[in-house]
Protein backbone atom coordinates (compact mmCIF):
# COMPACT_ATOMS: atom_id res chain seq x y z
CA MET A 1 78.45 107.97 143.37
CA PRO A 2 75.04 106.40 144.15
CA PRO A 3 74.32 103.16 142.32
CA PRO A 4 72.21 103.47 139.18
CA PRO A 5 68.50 102.73 139.66
CA VAL A 6 67.54 99.12 139.14
CA ARG A 7 65.63 98.80 135.87
CA LYS A 8 62.41 96.85 136.09
CA SER A 9 62.08 93.76 133.97
CA ARG A 10 59.57 93.78 131.12
CA PHE A 11 57.40 91.45 133.18
CA ASP A 12 57.37 93.83 136.15
CA GLU A 13 56.65 96.84 133.94
CA LEU A 14 53.72 95.18 132.18
CA VAL A 15 52.19 93.93 135.40
CA ALA A 16 52.66 97.20 137.29
CA LYS A 17 51.07 99.24 134.52
CA ALA A 18 48.05 96.93 134.26
CA GLU A 19 47.66 96.79 138.03
CA ALA A 20 47.61 100.59 138.28
CA GLU A 21 45.03 101.12 135.52
CA SER A 22 41.45 101.95 136.51
CA VAL A 23 38.94 99.19 135.80
CA ASP A 24 35.81 101.31 136.35
CA GLY A 25 33.10 101.10 133.71
CA TRP A 26 32.74 98.58 130.92
CA ASP A 27 35.11 100.10 128.38
CA PHE A 28 37.87 97.74 127.24
CA SER A 29 39.74 100.21 125.01
CA TRP A 30 42.86 99.92 127.19
CA LEU A 31 43.31 96.47 125.64
CA ASP A 32 43.58 97.85 122.10
CA GLY A 33 46.76 96.35 120.64
CA ARG A 34 47.15 94.05 123.66
CA ALA A 35 44.26 91.64 123.13
CA THR A 36 41.63 90.85 120.53
CA GLU A 37 38.20 89.24 120.72
CA GLU A 38 35.93 88.28 117.87
CA ARG A 39 32.52 89.91 118.11
CA PRO A 40 29.25 87.98 117.80
CA SER A 41 27.82 88.19 114.31
CA TRP A 42 24.41 89.49 115.42
CA GLY A 43 25.55 92.96 116.66
CA TYR A 44 23.83 93.31 120.03
CA GLN A 45 24.03 97.09 120.37
CA ARG A 46 22.56 97.65 116.91
CA LEU A 47 19.68 95.25 117.60
CA LEU A 48 19.06 96.79 121.02
CA GLY A 49 19.03 100.29 119.54
CA ALA A 50 16.37 99.27 117.02
CA ARG A 51 14.19 97.87 119.80
CA LEU A 52 14.62 100.86 122.10
CA GLY A 53 13.47 103.18 119.34
CA GLY A 54 10.09 101.46 119.18
CA VAL A 55 8.99 101.31 122.84
CA GLU A 56 7.68 103.73 125.48
CA ALA A 57 9.33 102.34 128.63
CA ALA A 58 12.52 100.30 128.97
CA LEU A 59 14.83 98.98 131.68
CA ASP A 60 18.51 98.10 131.23
CA LEU A 61 19.83 95.83 133.98
CA GLU A 62 23.50 95.81 135.09
CA THR A 63 24.28 98.69 132.74
CA GLY A 64 27.94 98.96 133.77
CA GLY A 65 29.20 102.42 132.90
CA GLY A 66 26.29 103.02 130.52
CA GLU A 67 28.42 102.53 127.41
CA VAL A 68 25.99 100.25 125.57
CA LEU A 69 22.93 102.43 126.16
CA ASP A 70 24.81 105.59 125.25
CA GLY A 71 25.73 104.04 121.90
CA CYS A 72 22.07 103.56 120.95
CA PRO A 73 20.76 106.31 118.63
CA SER A 74 17.41 106.85 120.35
CA LEU A 75 15.96 106.01 123.77
CA PRO A 76 12.32 105.78 124.90
CA PRO A 77 10.57 108.47 126.95
CA LEU A 78 11.02 106.35 130.09
CA MET A 79 14.50 104.81 130.24
CA ILE A 80 15.82 103.38 133.50
CA ALA A 81 19.13 101.62 134.08
CA THR A 82 20.34 99.71 137.13
CA GLU A 83 23.87 99.14 138.39
CA SER A 84 25.18 97.94 141.75
CA TRP A 85 28.93 98.73 141.72
CA PRO A 86 29.40 102.31 143.06
CA PRO A 87 32.16 103.38 140.60
CA ASN A 88 29.98 102.26 137.70
CA VAL A 89 26.90 103.94 139.16
CA ALA A 90 28.76 107.26 139.14
CA LYS A 91 30.13 106.69 135.66
CA ALA A 92 26.77 105.64 134.19
CA SER A 93 24.95 108.55 135.85
CA ALA A 94 27.41 111.07 134.43
CA ARG A 95 27.33 109.50 130.98
CA LEU A 96 23.57 109.03 130.66
CA ARG A 97 22.14 112.04 132.50
CA ALA A 98 22.08 114.21 129.41
CA ARG A 99 20.07 111.54 127.59
CA GLY A 100 17.35 111.50 130.23
CA VAL A 101 18.22 108.09 131.67
CA VAL A 102 17.54 107.48 135.37
CA VAL A 103 20.30 105.31 136.89
CA VAL A 104 19.24 103.38 139.99
CA ALA A 105 21.88 101.96 142.35
CA THR A 106 20.64 98.42 143.00
CA ASP A 107 21.40 94.79 142.20
CA GLY A 108 17.70 93.91 142.15
CA ILE A 109 14.61 94.89 140.16
CA PRO A 110 12.77 97.23 142.56
CA PHE A 111 10.00 98.29 140.19
CA GLY A 112 6.26 97.71 139.96
CA ASP A 113 4.49 95.01 137.99
CA ASN A 114 3.79 95.38 134.25
CA VAL A 115 5.82 98.58 133.82
CA PHE A 116 8.23 98.01 130.94
CA ASP A 117 7.83 97.17 127.25
CA LEU A 118 11.49 96.08 127.07
CA VAL A 119 14.01 94.81 129.61
CA SER A 120 17.58 94.39 128.41
CA SER A 121 20.94 93.35 129.78
CA ARG A 122 24.37 92.82 128.26
CA HIS A 123 26.48 90.21 130.05
CA PRO A 124 24.47 90.03 133.30
CA VAL A 125 26.17 88.28 136.21
CA THR A 126 22.84 86.63 137.05
CA THR A 127 19.40 86.72 135.44
CA ASP A 128 16.35 87.13 137.68
CA TRP A 129 13.84 85.55 135.33
CA PRO A 130 10.82 85.81 137.69
CA GLY A 131 11.64 89.46 138.40
CA ILE A 132 11.97 90.25 134.70
CA ALA A 133 8.67 88.52 133.92
CA ARG A 134 6.98 90.48 136.70
CA VAL A 135 8.01 93.96 135.50
CA LEU A 136 7.35 93.31 131.81
CA ARG A 137 4.03 94.38 130.37
CA PRO A 138 2.03 91.71 128.50
CA GLY A 139 3.59 91.51 125.05
CA GLY A 140 6.87 92.96 126.35
CA THR A 141 10.26 91.33 125.76
CA TYR A 142 13.52 90.60 127.50
CA PHE A 143 16.52 91.02 125.19
CA SER A 144 19.98 90.03 126.34
CA GLN A 145 23.46 89.05 125.23
CA GLN A 146 24.97 86.72 127.80
CA VAL A 147 28.24 84.99 128.56
CA GLY A 148 27.95 81.33 127.59
CA PRO A 149 29.36 78.12 129.07
CA ALA A 150 33.10 77.70 129.75
CA SER A 151 33.85 81.15 128.36
CA VAL A 152 37.61 81.88 128.29
CA PHE A 153 38.10 78.75 130.38
CA GLU A 154 41.49 78.18 128.77
CA LEU A 155 42.62 81.19 130.80
CA VAL A 156 40.57 80.34 133.88
CA GLU A 157 42.02 76.83 134.03
CA PHE A 158 45.57 78.13 133.49
CA PHE A 159 45.24 79.86 136.88
CA LEU A 160 42.80 77.59 138.73
CA GLY A 161 43.35 74.17 137.17
CA PRO A 162 40.65 71.92 135.67
CA GLN A 163 37.13 73.00 136.57
CA PRO A 164 34.20 70.66 137.32
CA GLU A 165 31.54 70.05 134.70
CA GLU A 166 28.94 71.99 136.65
CA ALA A 167 31.18 75.08 136.45
CA ARG A 168 31.77 74.59 132.74
CA ASP A 169 28.03 74.26 131.98
CA SER A 170 26.67 76.78 134.49
CA ARG A 171 25.88 79.38 131.80
CA HIS A 172 24.52 77.06 129.14
CA PRO A 173 21.81 78.66 126.94
CA ASP A 174 19.59 75.60 127.35
CA ARG A 175 19.43 76.36 131.06
CA ALA A 176 18.44 79.97 130.31
CA VAL A 177 15.60 78.71 128.11
CA ARG A 178 14.32 76.41 130.87
CA GLU A 179 14.43 79.20 133.46
CA ALA A 180 12.75 81.71 131.12
CA GLU A 181 9.94 79.28 130.38
CA ALA A 182 9.54 78.43 134.06
CA ALA A 183 9.00 82.16 134.72
CA GLY A 184 6.20 82.20 132.14
CA LEU A 185 8.13 83.71 129.22
CA GLU A 186 8.24 82.41 125.66
CA VAL A 187 11.72 82.28 124.07
CA VAL A 188 11.40 83.67 120.54
CA ASP A 189 15.10 83.85 119.57
CA LEU A 190 18.23 82.03 120.72
CA ARG A 191 21.67 82.15 119.07
CA ALA A 192 25.10 81.06 120.31
CA GLU A 193 28.68 81.47 119.07
CA SER A 194 32.22 80.59 120.11
CA LEU A 195 34.66 83.43 119.43
CA ARG A 196 38.45 83.43 119.24
CA THR A 197 40.18 85.60 121.86
CA GLU A 198 43.91 86.37 122.01
CA PHE A 199 46.05 87.96 124.73
CA PHE A 200 49.37 89.37 123.51
CA ASP A 201 51.05 90.27 126.81
CA VAL A 202 50.71 89.52 130.50
CA GLY A 203 49.52 93.05 131.24
CA ALA A 204 46.43 92.42 129.13
CA VAL A 205 45.66 89.34 131.21
CA VAL A 206 46.09 91.23 134.49
CA TYR A 207 43.79 94.01 133.34
CA PHE A 208 41.18 91.56 132.03
CA LEU A 209 41.08 89.53 135.25
CA ARG A 210 40.88 92.66 137.40
CA LYS A 211 37.94 93.91 135.34
CA VAL A 212 36.03 90.66 134.75
CA ILE A 213 36.17 89.68 138.40
CA TRP A 214 34.15 86.46 138.20
CA MET A 215 36.64 84.73 135.87
CA VAL A 216 39.23 84.08 138.59
CA PRO A 217 37.43 85.03 141.81
CA GLY A 218 39.61 86.99 144.21
CA PHE A 219 42.33 87.52 141.59
CA THR A 220 45.26 89.66 142.72
CA VAL A 221 48.71 90.03 141.23
CA GLY A 222 50.28 89.11 144.55
CA GLN A 223 48.38 85.83 144.83
CA PHE A 224 49.10 84.72 141.26
CA ARG A 225 52.48 86.33 140.61
CA GLU A 226 54.30 83.09 139.84
CA LYS A 227 51.58 81.92 137.45
CA LEU A 228 51.67 85.33 135.79
CA ARG A 229 55.43 85.05 135.39
CA GLU A 230 54.98 81.60 133.87
CA LEU A 231 52.38 83.01 131.49
CA HIS A 232 54.66 85.92 130.57
CA GLU A 233 57.46 83.55 129.61
CA ARG A 234 55.03 81.46 127.56
CA LEU A 235 53.76 84.56 125.73
CA GLU A 236 57.29 85.77 125.03
CA HIS A 237 58.32 82.38 123.65
CA ASP A 238 55.15 81.07 121.93
CA GLY A 239 53.15 84.17 121.03
CA PRO A 240 49.53 85.01 121.90
CA PHE A 241 47.56 83.04 124.45
CA VAL A 242 44.42 81.81 122.66
CA ALA A 243 41.11 81.25 124.42
CA TYR A 244 37.51 81.02 123.27
CA THR A 245 34.77 83.35 124.44
CA THR A 246 31.22 82.01 124.30
CA ARG A 247 28.21 84.26 123.87
CA PHE A 248 24.50 83.71 123.39
CA LEU A 249 21.67 86.02 122.44
CA ILE A 250 18.27 85.38 123.98
CA GLU A 251 14.96 87.13 123.42
CA ALA A 252 11.93 86.12 125.47
CA ARG A 253 8.37 87.48 125.25
CA LYS A 254 5.76 87.82 127.97
CA PRO A 255 2.42 86.51 126.63
């Protein structure tokens, strides 16, 4: 008789399932029941939707899979979105085509001067303040929810060790204000919050780090397998891994 198949450990099963899951788009529903994150009190999508309903031309930068725009009840006559990652470009194009949105594959802002009443971006990797100021019409606004300083660094430092102060403060809202003002914009609203985040199993962590690629640059299961196993044992013994997400909302107007 052949030997019975070797049963994978719970650790191996969780990791393998998370490693096989697609991370295209910006939909985190796979984490339902596996992780939780408090949401900022201001409700970015609701506020963005209200602004989009009152303008003629808008630009959404780094739109991901188009999920945020698609959740807005009305869009302006001219609505353009940009995205640079090819799987997300395809996903956003398919999602937003029926709503009349033009999706442009770029990581820049290749548009003329004084074109848009509103430029928006949810969780941009970088913010090109001079480029945003250039394409906004006089009186137009930039509206964005951004990742704040040392966001989820409890998890980052579990894998990478203590990070230098410049890394911890690199996304500070005060810096965003300085850069916006240097580009000639007037900041009219700024809010920041720290939000409790919990990971319930190691698979959730693998999926999160595969999707949010800048948290642990170059993350692979193979490279961090022993740290993942250590984290799995900690989760099994102590319960959820708690970290704190930081977010800030910034709105800047072009005079």
